[in-house]
Amino acid sequence: MDIIPLPAFRDNYIWLLHDGHHALVVDPGDATPVEEALARLGLNLKAILVTHWHADHVGGLARLLARWPVPVFGPAGETIEGVSKHLREGDEVRLAEPAVTFRVMDVPAHTAGHIAFVGIDLEPGVVFCGDTLFSAGCGRLFEGTPAQLASALAKLAALPADTRVCCTHEYTLSNLAFARAAEPDNPERDAYALDCAARRERGEPTLPSTIGRERAINPFLRTDRPGVIDAVAAHSGERPTDALACLAALRAWKDRF
C-alpha cells in the first residue's frame, strides 16, 4: 500500500493511498492534483476521507464526485456538502478496494468537529490528522479551546511511535523555527531541522513524520518539559501552572510568532 502526498495550492498536501489499482484520497481541497495522479498511476478512485470543513480540504469534492460517485467519509459534527458517511469517535471505515480499515478519532480544536483517521491494519501505522497535528506544530484554535487541543494532541501522541503522521500542510520549517524558540535546547530537533531543510532544497516533502519523532521534537507535545515551560515563562513573564496553561500560552505565542 503506497501513501503519496499530492501538493496543492501553496502549501497543502492531499494524501493518496493506493494498492496499485484502487485508491482513496484524503482532504481533496483541489480536484486537479487528484485527477492527474489517478491518470498518471492508472488508479480507480474508490473512496474519499475528509477531516474537517475548511475549503482547502473539501473544495475538490464536487468535481471528483461528478466523475467518481464514491462514498465520502467525514465528520458527523460538521456540515460538509458531499459527505455521505458521517463519523464519530470509535467508528470504523472498512474498505475492500483498497483493502484498509480506519478507526475514527474525534480531535476537535482547529474546528469544532475535526476528526482523524487511524489506519489500524497498516504496517507501519498511519494517521491522517488534517490540521490538528503538524510536524513540529499544531493547528490554530479557530473553533476550539486549549483544553480540547490538549485532549486531541494527547490522543494522537498515544499512538504507536512508528505511526506515520500524514498532516495536510508543509509547515515544517516554519514550525521548527518556532520550536527552537519554544525549546532552545533540543539536539534531536536541531538534527531533524537540518534534514528537513535539505529535503526542501531538493524539492521533497518533509512529510510524513512519525508520532515518535513528534514526541521528541514538537513543543506542543512537550508542554510538561522544563525547557518548554522555562521558554514560555520567559516569553510571557508568567510561569504556567500546569501543562494545559503551558499549551494555551504556547499556542498564543505561536499565533503571533
Protein backbone atom coordinates (compact mmCIF):
# COMPACT_ATOMS: atom_id res chain seq x y z
CA MET A 1 0.00 0.00 0.00
CA ASP A 2 1.58 3.28 -1.10
CA ILE A 3 0.85 6.66 0.51
CA ILE A 4 1.70 9.73 -1.57
CA PRO A 5 1.41 13.44 -0.70
CA LEU A 6 -0.02 15.43 -3.63
CA PRO A 7 0.97 19.13 -3.43
CA ALA A 8 -1.94 21.56 -3.77
CA PHE A 9 -2.31 25.35 -3.53
CA ARG A 10 0.70 26.99 -1.86
CA ASP A 11 1.47 24.51 0.92
CA ASN A 12 -1.31 21.90 1.17
CA TYR A 13 -0.99 18.16 0.75
CA ILE A 14 -3.78 15.90 -0.43
CA TRP A 15 -2.98 12.33 0.60
CA LEU A 16 -3.40 9.48 -1.89
CA LEU A 17 -3.36 5.89 -0.65
CA HIS A 18 -3.40 3.11 -3.26
CA ASP A 19 -2.67 -0.58 -3.85
CA GLY A 20 -1.61 -0.21 -7.48
CA HIS A 21 -5.18 -0.46 -8.76
CA HIS A 22 -7.59 1.22 -6.34
CA ALA A 23 -7.17 4.46 -4.42
CA LEU A 24 -8.59 6.70 -1.75
CA VAL A 25 -7.80 10.35 -1.18
CA VAL A 26 -7.81 12.42 1.99
CA ASP A 27 -8.86 16.08 2.16
CA PRO A 28 -9.07 16.89 -1.56
CA GLY A 29 -9.14 20.67 -1.50
CA ASP A 30 -8.44 20.71 -5.23
CA ALA A 31 -9.56 18.08 -7.75
CA THR A 32 -6.81 18.71 -10.30
CA PRO A 33 -3.84 17.10 -8.47
CA VAL A 34 -6.02 14.08 -7.68
CA GLU A 35 -7.20 13.67 -11.26
CA GLU A 36 -3.66 13.99 -12.58
CA ALA A 37 -2.27 11.43 -10.11
CA LEU A 38 -5.04 8.91 -10.78
CA ALA A 39 -4.46 9.20 -14.53
CA ARG A 40 -0.67 9.00 -14.22
CA LEU A 41 -0.77 5.92 -11.98
CA GLY A 42 -3.72 4.23 -13.67
CA LEU A 43 -5.82 4.15 -10.50
CA ASN A 44 -9.55 3.95 -9.86
CA LEU A 45 -10.84 6.19 -7.08
CA LYS A 46 -12.90 4.21 -4.57
CA ALA A 47 -13.36 6.48 -1.52
CA ILE A 48 -12.68 9.93 -0.09
CA LEU A 49 -11.87 10.78 3.53
CA VAL A 50 -12.42 14.28 4.94
CA THR A 51 -11.12 15.52 8.30
CA HIS A 52 -12.87 18.92 8.55
CA TRP A 53 -14.87 21.50 6.66
CA HIS A 54 -12.29 24.09 5.56
CA ALA A 55 -12.35 24.88 1.84
CA ASP A 56 -8.73 23.87 1.25
CA HIS A 57 -9.72 20.36 2.37
CA VAL A 58 -13.09 19.91 0.64
CA GLY A 59 -13.01 22.24 -2.37
CA GLY A 60 -12.41 19.44 -4.87
CA LEU A 61 -15.23 17.18 -3.70
CA ALA A 62 -17.92 18.22 -6.17
CA ARG A 63 -15.72 17.77 -9.24
CA LEU A 64 -14.34 14.44 -8.07
CA LEU A 65 -17.80 13.10 -7.24
CA ALA A 66 -19.13 14.14 -10.65
CA ARG A 67 -16.66 11.71 -12.21
CA TRP A 68 -16.31 9.15 -9.40
CA PRO A 69 -19.54 8.82 -7.35
CA VAL A 70 -17.76 7.21 -4.40
CA PRO A 71 -18.54 7.26 -0.68
CA VAL A 72 -17.22 10.27 1.19
CA PHE A 73 -16.43 9.73 4.88
CA GLY A 74 -16.37 12.83 7.06
CA PRO A 75 -17.14 14.31 10.48
CA ALA A 76 -20.66 13.95 11.87
CA GLY A 77 -20.20 17.20 13.76
CA GLU A 78 -19.77 19.37 10.67
CA THR A 79 -21.96 20.13 7.66
CA ILE A 80 -19.98 19.35 4.51
CA GLU A 81 -21.73 19.06 1.17
CA GLY A 82 -20.84 15.75 -0.46
CA VAL A 83 -20.14 13.77 2.71
CA SER A 84 -22.27 10.62 2.61
CA LYS A 85 -20.91 8.74 5.64
CA HIS A 86 -20.92 10.75 8.89
CA LEU A 87 -18.47 9.54 11.52
CA ARG A 88 -17.70 9.96 15.22
CA GLU A 89 -15.15 8.70 17.74
CA GLY A 90 -14.75 4.93 17.58
CA ASP A 91 -16.47 4.43 14.21
CA GLU A 92 -14.63 2.33 11.65
CA VAL A 93 -14.21 2.73 7.91
CA ARG A 94 -13.73 -0.65 6.23
CA LEU A 95 -12.82 -0.61 2.55
CA ALA A 96 -12.41 -3.61 0.26
CA GLU A 97 -10.66 -1.65 -2.51
CA PRO A 98 -8.06 -0.68 -1.44
CA ALA A 99 -8.21 -3.16 1.45
CA VAL A 100 -7.78 -0.95 4.51
CA THR A 101 -9.59 -0.17 7.75
CA PHE A 102 -9.54 3.10 9.67
CA ARG A 103 -10.63 3.91 13.21
CA VAL A 104 -12.09 7.37 13.68
CA MET A 105 -10.80 9.67 16.38
CA ASP A 106 -12.54 12.89 17.45
CA VAL A 107 -9.91 15.64 17.61
CA PRO A 108 -11.84 18.95 17.84
CA ALA A 109 -9.86 22.14 18.39
CA HIS A 110 -8.87 23.52 14.96
CA THR A 111 -12.55 23.13 14.03
CA ALA A 112 -15.44 22.03 16.22
CA GLY A 113 -15.98 18.64 14.56
CA HIS A 114 -12.49 17.76 13.33
CA ILE A 115 -11.75 14.03 13.08
CA ALA A 116 -8.68 11.93 12.32
CA PHE A 117 -8.43 8.57 10.57
CA VAL A 118 -6.11 5.97 12.12
CA GLY A 119 -5.12 3.06 9.86
CA ILE A 120 -5.45 0.01 12.07
CA ASP A 121 -4.27 -2.68 9.65
CA LEU A 122 -1.26 -0.98 8.03
CA GLU A 123 2.37 -1.61 8.98
CA PRO A 124 3.74 0.77 9.99
CA GLY A 125 0.61 2.58 11.11
CA VAL A 126 -0.67 5.84 9.71
CA VAL A 127 -2.86 8.68 10.93
CA PHE A 128 -4.48 11.24 8.65
CA CYS A 129 -4.80 14.07 11.14
CA GLY A 130 -5.76 17.03 8.95
CA ASP A 131 -4.83 20.31 10.63
CA THR A 132 -4.79 19.13 14.26
CA LEU A 133 -1.16 17.98 14.48
CA PHE A 134 1.63 19.23 12.22
CA SER A 135 5.25 18.25 12.21
CA ALA A 136 6.79 20.38 14.99
CA GLY A 137 3.47 22.20 15.46
CA CYS A 138 -0.30 22.07 15.69
CA GLY A 139 -3.31 23.80 14.15
CA ARG A 140 -4.71 27.14 15.21
CA LEU A 141 -7.70 27.21 17.54
CA PHE A 142 -10.33 28.58 15.17
CA GLU A 143 -13.32 26.93 16.85
CA GLY A 144 -11.99 25.03 19.84
CA THR A 145 -10.38 25.56 23.23
CA PRO A 146 -6.92 24.85 24.65
CA ALA A 147 -8.44 22.00 26.68
CA GLN A 148 -9.83 20.41 23.52
CA LEU A 149 -6.48 20.81 21.82
CA ALA A 150 -4.72 19.20 24.78
CA SER A 151 -7.10 16.24 24.61
CA ALA A 152 -6.71 15.88 20.84
CA LEU A 153 -2.92 16.03 20.95
CA ALA A 154 -2.82 13.53 23.83
CA LYS A 155 -4.86 11.05 21.77
CA LEU A 156 -2.54 11.41 18.82
CA ALA A 157 0.62 11.25 20.94
CA ALA A 158 -0.61 7.96 22.45
CA LEU A 159 -0.46 6.22 19.06
CA PRO A 160 2.49 3.83 18.45
CA ALA A 161 5.79 5.59 17.88
CA ASP A 162 6.19 4.38 14.28
CA THR A 163 2.76 5.68 13.23
CA ARG A 164 3.21 7.88 10.16
CA VAL A 165 1.81 11.39 10.68
CA CYS A 166 0.12 12.49 7.45
CA CYS A 167 -0.90 16.07 8.12
CA THR A 168 -2.03 18.41 5.39
CA HIS A 169 0.35 21.37 5.26
CA GLU A 170 4.05 21.83 4.52
CA TYR A 171 4.60 24.00 7.58
CA THR A 172 7.53 22.04 8.98
CA LEU A 173 10.36 24.55 8.53
CA SER A 174 8.38 27.47 9.96
CA ASN A 175 7.18 25.28 12.81
CA LEU A 176 10.76 24.26 13.55
CA ALA A 177 11.78 27.91 13.72
CA PHE A 178 9.20 28.43 16.45
CA ALA A 179 10.16 25.15 18.13
CA ARG A 180 13.72 26.47 18.54
CA ALA A 181 12.34 29.47 20.42
CA ALA A 182 9.95 27.34 22.47
CA GLU A 183 12.58 24.78 23.49
CA PRO A 184 16.07 26.15 22.80
CA ASP A 185 17.98 23.03 23.87
CA ASN A 186 16.79 20.05 21.83
CA PRO A 187 19.55 18.37 19.77
CA GLU A 188 17.18 15.86 18.16
CA ARG A 189 15.00 18.73 16.94
CA ASP A 190 18.05 20.52 15.54
CA ALA A 191 19.17 17.43 13.61
CA TYR A 192 15.65 17.00 12.24
CA ALA A 193 15.60 20.65 11.15
CA LEU A 194 18.79 20.16 9.13
CA ASP A 195 17.30 17.09 7.46
CA CYS A 196 14.05 18.88 6.66
CA ALA A 197 15.88 21.88 5.19
CA ALA A 198 17.87 19.55 2.93
CA ARG A 199 14.67 17.83 1.81
CA ARG A 200 13.05 21.12 0.90
CA GLU A 201 16.18 22.18 -1.00
CA ARG A 202 15.74 19.01 -3.08
CA GLY A 203 12.07 19.81 -3.62
CA GLU A 204 10.97 16.89 -1.42
CA PRO A 205 8.21 16.93 1.21
CA THR A 206 9.15 16.79 4.88
CA LEU A 207 6.14 14.55 5.50
CA PRO A 208 5.09 12.12 6.73
CA SER A 209 6.65 12.48 10.13
CA THR A 210 6.12 9.88 12.88
CA ILE A 211 4.49 10.02 16.29
CA GLY A 212 7.79 9.07 17.94
CA ARG A 213 9.61 11.93 16.25
CA GLU A 214 6.88 14.41 17.19
CA ARG A 215 7.05 13.36 20.82
CA ALA A 216 10.76 14.17 20.71
CA ILE A 217 10.74 17.48 18.82
CA ASN A 218 7.26 19.05 18.85
CA PRO A 219 6.90 21.60 21.68
CA PHE A 220 3.10 21.23 21.66
CA LEU A 221 3.58 17.60 22.75
CA ARG A 222 6.20 18.60 25.32
CA THR A 223 4.39 21.16 27.48
CA ASP A 224 5.41 19.29 30.64
CA ARG A 225 9.12 19.60 29.83
CA PRO A 226 11.18 22.10 31.85
CA GLY A 227 12.79 23.62 28.76
CA VAL A 228 9.42 24.43 27.20
CA ILE A 229 7.97 25.73 30.48
CA ASP A 230 11.03 27.95 31.01
CA ALA A 231 10.79 29.38 27.48
CA VAL A 232 7.08 30.12 27.84
CA ALA A 233 7.68 31.79 31.20
CA ALA A 234 10.49 33.91 29.78
CA HIS A 235 8.34 34.97 26.83
CA SER A 236 5.12 35.72 28.70
CA GLY A 237 6.54 36.89 32.01
CA GLU A 238 4.34 34.39 33.85
CA ARG A 239 5.21 30.79 34.68
CA PRO A 240 2.46 28.36 33.58
CA THR A 241 0.93 26.45 36.46
CA ASP A 242 0.41 23.20 34.56
CA ALA A 243 0.73 21.58 31.12
CA LEU A 244 -2.64 22.94 29.93
CA ALA A 245 -1.70 26.50 30.84
CA CYS A 246 1.62 25.97 29.10
CA LEU A 247 -0.13 24.71 25.97
CA ALA A 248 -2.52 27.67 25.91
CA ALA A 249 0.36 30.14 26.30
CA LEU A 250 2.44 28.30 23.70
CA ARG A 251 -0.39 28.38 21.15
CA ALA A 252 -0.98 32.08 21.77
CA TRP A 253 2.75 32.74 21.35
CA LYS A 254 2.83 30.79 18.08
CA ASP A 255 -0.16 32.78 16.76
CA ARG A 256 1.96 35.94 16.94
CA PHE A 257 5.36 34.44 16.14
